Structures are given as C-alpha cells and as structure tokens.
Amino acid sequence: MNDPEATLPAISPLHESTANHETEWALGITWDDYLEREVREHRELWQGVWRRARSPKEQLDRLARVGGSWRLLVLSEDWCGDASNLVPVLARFAADAPQLDLRILKRDEHPEVMDLYLTNGSRSIPLSIILDDRGNAVGRWGPRPEGLQDFVLRERQVAGRPMTEIYKDIRRWYAIDRGHSTIRELVDRIERAAG
C-alpha cells in the first residue's frame, strides 16, 4: 500500500507559506458562534470535550513567558472526529490565555486557505495556522498530536487496520491525553515562531 502519509512528517513546525490571513481572520467564526451555530454533527461530543477541557498551568506559563499577541486560525468541520476532540481543547486554551485569540474557518468553505497547508497532500483537519498580531502565518499545528499520528500511520501500514477500527483507539487516546499533547505541541510551535 502506497500511503503518502508515510513519506512525510505529519506535522510541520512551520509552513513555507508567509501568507497574510487578515482577511480570513475577519471572516473567522468565534468559538461560541461555531459551537452554537455551526456544530450539528456530534454536538454532544463537542460540548462535552469543551466542558471537560482544562488548560495546563505549565503551558499557560510558557505562553506567558513567550509574550506577544498570537492568533490561531483553525480550519475545521463538525463531522471530523479529530476536530471534535481537539478544537474544543484549543478553544479552551485560547479562552484561558490572554495573549491568544482563536477563530474558526470551515474547511469546505475555504479550500484556497486549506490548500496552502496540506498535510502530506491531503486536506487534513483540524489545522491551526499560527498568526502573529498582523495576521502573518508564522507556524502551524495539526491535524493530530505527533504521538497519535505516529500510532495511526503505524497501524495503517504495518497492521493494515482500517480506520474504522483504529478510530476506537484514537478516541481512547484522546480520553487519556485530555488535550495535553495538543497544547504542549502548540506552545512549542509558538515558541519557535517567536524565535
């Protein structure tokens, strides 16, 4: 099986694009509006993850030490299982971190943005584009935490398991990790972007 995901890392710390996303930021949906108006599939899951999400103090402190003002422009869709487990965690972290703001774009309505940030040639979500305070892309995170992405690739290639089976393990991984890997990796990328 020739899987393009196997040939490249799942997550790039920085994207080659130096695009400015000020226009897309203005079009972005706030978390509250996204949850209230846009999430139709798996609504209870989205709400439950949001209610249980907690921002690790260590990561909040790290981000505070970085300083500056940062934005996350998150590409998502409500039908995506990874998005339902990760976007609420990112939204909670942004709500708890004074120097971080978050907006969401629906991937299928913004293919021109998604195509700037493909993961191994695919439109994988969720994807967080890290913007500086002027709307310039300075990094990215997504679509999954590195450890989980490595597990998924290994299971698909070595074990040949279908995604329907692997997804049970993915859900278990998310429940155990509780978003900590996601937030740690996001702060790593913001630190790199800050230089």
C-alpha atoms as a PDB file:
ATOM      1  CA  MET A   1       0.000   0.000   0.000  1.00  0.00           C
ATOM      2  CA  ASN A   2       1.498   3.292  -1.069  1.00  0.00           C
ATOM      3  CA  ASP A   3       0.401   5.708   1.633  1.00  0.00           C
ATOM      4  CA  PRO A   4       1.532   9.307   1.043  1.00  0.00           C
ATOM      5  CA  GLU A   5       1.217   9.993   4.796  1.00  0.00           C
ATOM      6  CA  ALA A   6       4.082   7.597   5.424  1.00  0.00           C
ATOM      7  CA  THR A   7       6.644   9.569   3.459  1.00  0.00           C
ATOM      8  CA  LEU A   8       6.465  12.911   5.226  1.00  0.00           C
ATOM      9  CA  PRO A   9       6.110  14.018   8.819  1.00  0.00           C
ATOM     10  CA  ALA A  10       2.501  14.515   9.849  1.00  0.00           C
ATOM     11  CA  ILE A  11       3.091  17.894  11.426  1.00  0.00           C
ATOM     12  CA  SER A  12       5.292  20.668  10.129  1.00  0.00           C
ATOM     13  CA  PRO A  13       6.510  23.104  12.776  1.00  0.00           C
ATOM     14  CA  LEU A  14       6.458  25.930  10.270  1.00  0.00           C
ATOM     15  CA  HIS A  15       4.833  26.149   6.905  1.00  0.00           C
ATOM     16  CA  GLU A  16       6.680  27.571   3.957  1.00  0.00           C
ATOM     17  CA  SER A  17       3.843  29.997   3.345  1.00  0.00           C
ATOM     18  CA  THR A  18       4.303  33.522   4.604  1.00  0.00           C
ATOM     19  CA  ALA A  19       0.714  34.291   3.715  1.00  0.00           C
ATOM     20  CA  ASN A  20      -1.164  37.047   5.435  1.00  0.00           C
ATOM     21  CA  HIS A  21      -4.546  35.875   6.677  1.00  0.00           C
ATOM     22  CA  GLU A  22      -6.005  39.149   7.922  1.00  0.00           C
ATOM     23  CA  THR A  23      -8.980  38.783   5.540  1.00  0.00           C
ATOM     24  CA  GLU A  24      -9.651  35.196   6.607  1.00  0.00           C
ATOM     25  CA  TRP A  25      -9.297  36.203  10.255  1.00  0.00           C
ATOM     26  CA  ALA A  26     -12.047  38.779   9.776  1.00  0.00           C
ATOM     27  CA  LEU A  27     -14.237  36.044   8.260  1.00  0.00           C
ATOM     28  CA  GLY A  28     -13.444  33.605  11.050  1.00  0.00           C
ATOM     29  CA  ILE A  29     -16.108  32.365  13.424  1.00  0.00           C
ATOM     30  CA  THR A  30     -15.649  32.768  17.159  1.00  0.00           C
ATOM     31  CA  TRP A  31     -15.695  29.596  19.238  1.00  0.00           C
ATOM     32  CA  ASP A  32     -19.024  30.430  20.861  1.00  0.00           C
ATOM     33  CA  ASP A  33     -20.678  31.068  17.496  1.00  0.00           C
ATOM     34  CA  TYR A  34     -19.126  27.956  15.969  1.00  0.00           C
ATOM     35  CA  LEU A  35     -20.354  25.738  18.795  1.00  0.00           C
ATOM     36  CA  GLU A  36     -23.791  27.351  18.854  1.00  0.00           C
ATOM     37  CA  ARG A  37     -24.499  27.733  15.129  1.00  0.00           C
ATOM     38  CA  GLU A  38     -22.157  25.532  13.120  1.00  0.00           C
ATOM     39  CA  VAL A  39     -21.777  22.278  15.061  1.00  0.00           C
ATOM     40  CA  ARG A  40     -24.584  19.958  14.076  1.00  0.00           C
ATOM     41  CA  GLU A  41     -22.897  16.568  13.904  1.00  0.00           C
ATOM     42  CA  HIS A  42     -21.690  15.027  17.155  1.00  0.00           C
ATOM     43  CA  ARG A  43     -22.836  18.129  19.048  1.00  0.00           C
ATOM     44  CA  GLU A  44     -22.840  16.358  22.428  1.00  0.00           C
ATOM     45  CA  LEU A  45     -19.235  15.255  21.909  1.00  0.00           C
ATOM     46  CA  TRP A  46     -18.117  18.790  21.023  1.00  0.00           C
ATOM     47  CA  GLN A  47     -19.904  20.218  24.059  1.00  0.00           C
ATOM     48  CA  GLY A  48     -18.606  17.508  26.374  1.00  0.00           C
ATOM     49  CA  VAL A  49     -14.988  17.968  25.324  1.00  0.00           C
ATOM     50  CA  TRP A  50     -15.383  21.745  25.785  1.00  0.00           C
ATOM     51  CA  ARG A  51     -16.832  21.313  29.297  1.00  0.00           C
ATOM     52  CA  ARG A  52     -14.060  18.920  30.372  1.00  0.00           C
ATOM     53  CA  ALA A  53     -11.153  20.758  28.727  1.00  0.00           C
ATOM     54  CA  ARG A  54      -8.614  22.292  31.090  1.00  0.00           C
ATOM     55  CA  SER A  55      -5.612  24.427  30.224  1.00  0.00           C
ATOM     56  CA  PRO A  56      -2.427  23.076  31.813  1.00  0.00           C
ATOM     57  CA  LYS A  57      -0.905  25.796  34.023  1.00  0.00           C
ATOM     58  CA  GLU A  58       2.590  24.889  32.825  1.00  0.00           C
ATOM     59  CA  GLN A  59       1.598  25.624  29.219  1.00  0.00           C
ATOM     60  CA  LEU A  60      -0.178  28.856  30.140  1.00  0.00           C
ATOM     61  CA  ASP A  61       3.000  29.939  31.948  1.00  0.00           C
ATOM     62  CA  ARG A  62       5.180  29.003  28.971  1.00  0.00           C
ATOM     63  CA  LEU A  63       2.984  31.031  26.643  1.00  0.00           C
ATOM     64  CA  ALA A  64       3.067  33.988  29.045  1.00  0.00           C
ATOM     65  CA  ARG A  65       6.880  33.871  29.005  1.00  0.00           C
ATOM     66  CA  VAL A  66       6.848  33.966  25.191  1.00  0.00           C
ATOM     67  CA  GLY A  67       4.854  37.185  25.343  1.00  0.00           C
ATOM     68  CA  GLY A  68       3.343  38.939  22.390  1.00  0.00           C
ATOM     69  CA  SER A  69      -0.063  38.517  20.880  1.00  0.00           C
ATOM     70  CA  TRP A  70      -0.921  35.401  18.871  1.00  0.00           C
ATOM     71  CA  ARG A  71      -3.855  34.176  16.852  1.00  0.00           C
ATOM     72  CA  LEU A  72      -4.999  30.697  15.904  1.00  0.00           C
ATOM     73  CA  LEU A  73      -6.933  30.419  12.670  1.00  0.00           C
ATOM     74  CA  VAL A  74      -8.364  26.906  12.895  1.00  0.00           C
ATOM     75  CA  LEU A  75      -9.677  25.034   9.872  1.00  0.00           C
ATOM     76  CA  SER A  76     -12.354  22.584  10.970  1.00  0.00           C
ATOM     77  CA  GLU A  77     -15.629  20.838  10.147  1.00  0.00           C
ATOM     78  CA  ASP A  78     -18.151  19.485  12.620  1.00  0.00           C
ATOM     79  CA  TRP A  79     -18.187  15.997  11.067  1.00  0.00           C
ATOM     80  CA  CYS A  80     -14.473  15.423  11.782  1.00  0.00           C
ATOM     81  CA  GLY A  81     -13.808  13.170  14.773  1.00  0.00           C
ATOM     82  CA  ASP A  82     -10.350  14.591  15.354  1.00  0.00           C
ATOM     83  CA  ALA A  83     -11.736  18.138  15.243  1.00  0.00           C
ATOM     84  CA  SER A  84     -14.426  17.316  17.807  1.00  0.00           C
ATOM     85  CA  ASN A  85     -11.714  16.108  20.179  1.00  0.00           C
ATOM     86  CA  LEU A  86      -9.173  18.862  19.536  1.00  0.00           C
ATOM     87  CA  VAL A  87     -10.850  22.144  18.568  1.00  0.00           C
ATOM     88  CA  PRO A  88     -12.661  22.475  21.934  1.00  0.00           C
ATOM     89  CA  VAL A  89      -9.305  21.945  23.679  1.00  0.00           C
ATOM     90  CA  LEU A  90      -7.691  24.659  21.543  1.00  0.00           C
ATOM     91  CA  ALA A  91     -10.655  26.950  22.185  1.00  0.00           C
ATOM     92  CA  ARG A  92     -10.405  26.424  25.948  1.00  0.00           C
ATOM     93  CA  PHE A  93      -6.682  27.177  25.885  1.00  0.00           C
ATOM     94  CA  ALA A  94      -7.285  30.347  23.854  1.00  0.00           C
ATOM     95  CA  ALA A  95     -10.014  31.391  26.303  1.00  0.00           C
ATOM     96  CA  ASP A  96      -7.614  30.926  29.231  1.00  0.00           C
ATOM     97  CA  ALA A  97      -4.525  32.538  27.654  1.00  0.00           C
ATOM     98  CA  PRO A  98      -4.815  36.348  27.468  1.00  0.00           C
ATOM     99  CA  GLN A  99      -2.282  36.608  24.615  1.00  0.00           C
ATOM    100  CA  LEU A 100      -4.062  34.076  22.388  1.00  0.00           C
ATOM    101  CA  ASP A 101      -7.175  34.505  20.265  1.00  0.00           C
ATOM    102  CA  LEU A 102      -8.941  31.902  18.143  1.00  0.00           C
ATOM    103  CA  ARG A 103     -11.210  31.956  15.119  1.00  0.00           C
ATOM    104  CA  ILE A 104     -12.510  29.068  13.051  1.00  0.00           C
ATOM    105  CA  LEU A 105     -12.919  28.699   9.307  1.00  0.00           C
ATOM    106  CA  LYS A 106     -14.984  25.914   7.842  1.00  0.00           C
ATOM    107  CA  ARG A 107     -12.550  23.941   5.730  1.00  0.00           C
ATOM    108  CA  ASP A 108     -15.011  23.130   2.957  1.00  0.00           C
ATOM    109  CA  GLU A 109     -15.923  26.803   2.527  1.00  0.00           C
ATOM    110  CA  HIS A 110     -12.271  27.920   2.328  1.00  0.00           C
ATOM    111  CA  PRO A 111     -10.401  25.449   0.094  1.00  0.00           C
ATOM    112  CA  GLU A 112      -7.983  28.157  -1.042  1.00  0.00           C
ATOM    113  CA  VAL A 113      -6.707  28.517   2.532  1.00  0.00           C
ATOM    114  CA  MET A 114      -6.709  24.778   3.212  1.00  0.00           C
ATOM    115  CA  ASP A 115      -4.676  24.133   0.079  1.00  0.00           C
ATOM    116  CA  LEU A 116      -1.856  26.305   1.439  1.00  0.00           C
ATOM    117  CA  TYR A 117      -1.493  23.955   4.408  1.00  0.00           C
ATOM    118  CA  LEU A 118      -1.915  20.416   3.136  1.00  0.00           C
ATOM    119  CA  THR A 119      -0.702  17.556   5.291  1.00  0.00           C
ATOM    120  CA  ASN A 120       1.117  15.154   3.017  1.00  0.00           C
ATOM    121  CA  GLY A 121      -1.078  16.252   0.128  1.00  0.00           C
ATOM    122  CA  SER A 122      -4.378  15.938   1.973  1.00  0.00           C
ATOM    123  CA  ARG A 123      -6.819  18.441   3.451  1.00  0.00           C
ATOM    124  CA  SER A 124      -6.441  17.036   6.954  1.00  0.00           C
ATOM    125  CA  ILE A 125      -8.158  18.823   9.813  1.00  0.00           C
ATOM    126  CA  PRO A 126      -8.173  20.263  12.319  1.00  0.00           C
ATOM    127  CA  LEU A 127      -5.386  22.556  11.308  1.00  0.00           C
ATOM    128  CA  SER A 128      -4.302  25.558  13.348  1.00  0.00           C
ATOM    129  CA  ILE A 129      -2.497  28.291  11.471  1.00  0.00           C
ATOM    130  CA  ILE A 130      -0.474  30.332  13.939  1.00  0.00           C
ATOM    131  CA  LEU A 131      -0.612  34.032  13.123  1.00  0.00           C
ATOM    132  CA  ASP A 132       1.310  36.945  14.535  1.00  0.00           C
ATOM    133  CA  ASP A 133      -0.513  40.099  15.587  1.00  0.00           C
ATOM    134  CA  ARG A 134      -0.517  41.388  11.983  1.00  0.00           C
ATOM    135  CA  GLY A 135      -2.135  38.246  10.575  1.00  0.00           C
ATOM    136  CA  ASN A 136       1.040  36.754   9.081  1.00  0.00           C
ATOM    137  CA  ALA A 137       1.329  32.966   9.136  1.00  0.00           C
ATOM    138  CA  VAL A 138       4.282  32.026  11.323  1.00  0.00           C
ATOM    139  CA  GLY A 139       3.556  28.348  12.018  1.00  0.00           C
ATOM    140  CA  ARG A 140       1.021  25.580  12.042  1.00  0.00           C
ATOM    141  CA  TRP A 141      -0.202  22.696  14.133  1.00  0.00           C
ATOM    142  CA  GLY A 142      -2.326  19.736  13.148  1.00  0.00           C
ATOM    143  CA  PRO A 143      -4.082  17.544  12.330  1.00  0.00           C
ATOM    144  CA  ARG A 144      -3.232  15.317  15.324  1.00  0.00           C
ATOM    145  CA  PRO A 145      -0.709  15.228  18.154  1.00  0.00           C
ATOM    146  CA  GLU A 146       2.551  13.689  16.953  1.00  0.00           C
ATOM    147  CA  GLY A 147       2.370  10.543  19.102  1.00  0.00           C
ATOM    148  CA  LEU A 148      -1.154   9.781  17.968  1.00  0.00           C
ATOM    149  CA  GLN A 149      -0.352  10.466  14.314  1.00  0.00           C
ATOM    150  CA  ASP A 150       2.635   8.106  14.522  1.00  0.00           C
ATOM    151  CA  PHE A 151       0.374   5.415  16.017  1.00  0.00           C
ATOM    152  CA  VAL A 152      -2.255   5.852  13.281  1.00  0.00           C
ATOM    153  CA  LEU A 153       0.318   5.653  10.485  1.00  0.00           C
ATOM    154  CA  ARG A 154       1.916   2.575  12.037  1.00  0.00           C
ATOM    155  CA  GLU A 155      -1.425   0.813  12.470  1.00  0.00           C
ATOM    156  CA  ARG A 156      -2.485   1.572   8.913  1.00  0.00           C
ATOM    157  CA  GLN A 157       0.777   0.495   7.330  1.00  0.00           C
ATOM    158  CA  VAL A 158       2.118  -2.308   9.466  1.00  0.00           C
ATOM    159  CA  ALA A 159      -1.058  -3.834  10.803  1.00  0.00           C
ATOM    160  CA  GLY A 160      -3.207  -2.865   7.825  1.00  0.00           C
ATOM    161  CA  ARG A 161      -6.097  -1.989  10.111  1.00  0.00           C
ATOM    162  CA  PRO A 162      -8.975   0.007   8.642  1.00  0.00           C
ATOM    163  CA  MET A 163      -9.603   3.478  10.067  1.00  0.00           C
ATOM    164  CA  THR A 164     -12.967   2.371  11.471  1.00  0.00           C
ATOM    165  CA  GLU A 165     -11.098   0.026  13.835  1.00  0.00           C
ATOM    166  CA  ILE A 166      -8.256   2.433  14.557  1.00  0.00           C
ATOM    167  CA  TYR A 167     -10.696   5.174  15.470  1.00  0.00           C
ATOM    168  CA  LYS A 168     -11.685   3.288  18.653  1.00  0.00           C
ATOM    169  CA  ASP A 169      -8.071   3.519  19.776  1.00  0.00           C
ATOM    170  CA  ILE A 170      -7.922   7.166  18.715  1.00  0.00           C
ATOM    171  CA  ARG A 171     -10.907   8.008  20.943  1.00  0.00           C
ATOM    172  CA  ARG A 172      -9.290   6.180  23.857  1.00  0.00           C
ATOM    173  CA  TRP A 173      -6.034   8.090  23.262  1.00  0.00           C
ATOM    174  CA  TYR A 174      -7.885  11.415  23.312  1.00  0.00           C
ATOM    175  CA  ALA A 175      -9.695  10.484  26.523  1.00  0.00           C
ATOM    176  CA  ILE A 176      -6.434   9.624  28.287  1.00  0.00           C
ATOM    177  CA  ASP A 177      -4.374  12.535  26.926  1.00  0.00           C
ATOM    178  CA  ARG A 178      -7.114  15.142  27.573  1.00  0.00           C
ATOM    179  CA  GLY A 179      -5.565  17.587  25.115  1.00  0.00           C
ATOM    180  CA  HIS A 180      -2.251  17.929  26.929  1.00  0.00           C
ATOM    181  CA  SER A 181      -0.127  16.824  23.949  1.00  0.00           C
ATOM    182  CA  THR A 182      -2.007  19.181  21.642  1.00  0.00           C
ATOM    183  CA  ILE A 183      -1.463  22.204  23.866  1.00  0.00           C
ATOM    184  CA  ARG A 184       2.205  21.349  24.534  1.00  0.00           C
ATOM    185  CA  GLU A 185       2.912  20.983  20.805  1.00  0.00           C
ATOM    186  CA  LEU A 186       1.055  24.204  20.006  1.00  0.00           C
ATOM    187  CA  VAL A 187       3.093  26.151  22.573  1.00  0.00           C
ATOM    188  CA  ASP A 188       6.284  24.565  21.170  1.00  0.00           C
ATOM    189  CA  ARG A 189       5.410  25.971  17.750  1.00  0.00           C
ATOM    190  CA  ILE A 190       4.567  29.416  19.110  1.00  0.00           C
ATOM    191  CA  GLU A 191       7.909  29.471  20.938  1.00  0.00           C
ATOM    192  CA  ARG A 192       9.688  28.611  17.676  1.00  0.00           C
ATOM    193  CA  ALA A 193       7.770  31.304  15.826  1.00  0.00           C
ATOM    194  CA  ALA A 194       8.723  33.855  18.479  1.00  0.00           C
ATOM    195  CA  GLY A 195      12.356  32.938  17.900  1.00  0.00           C
END
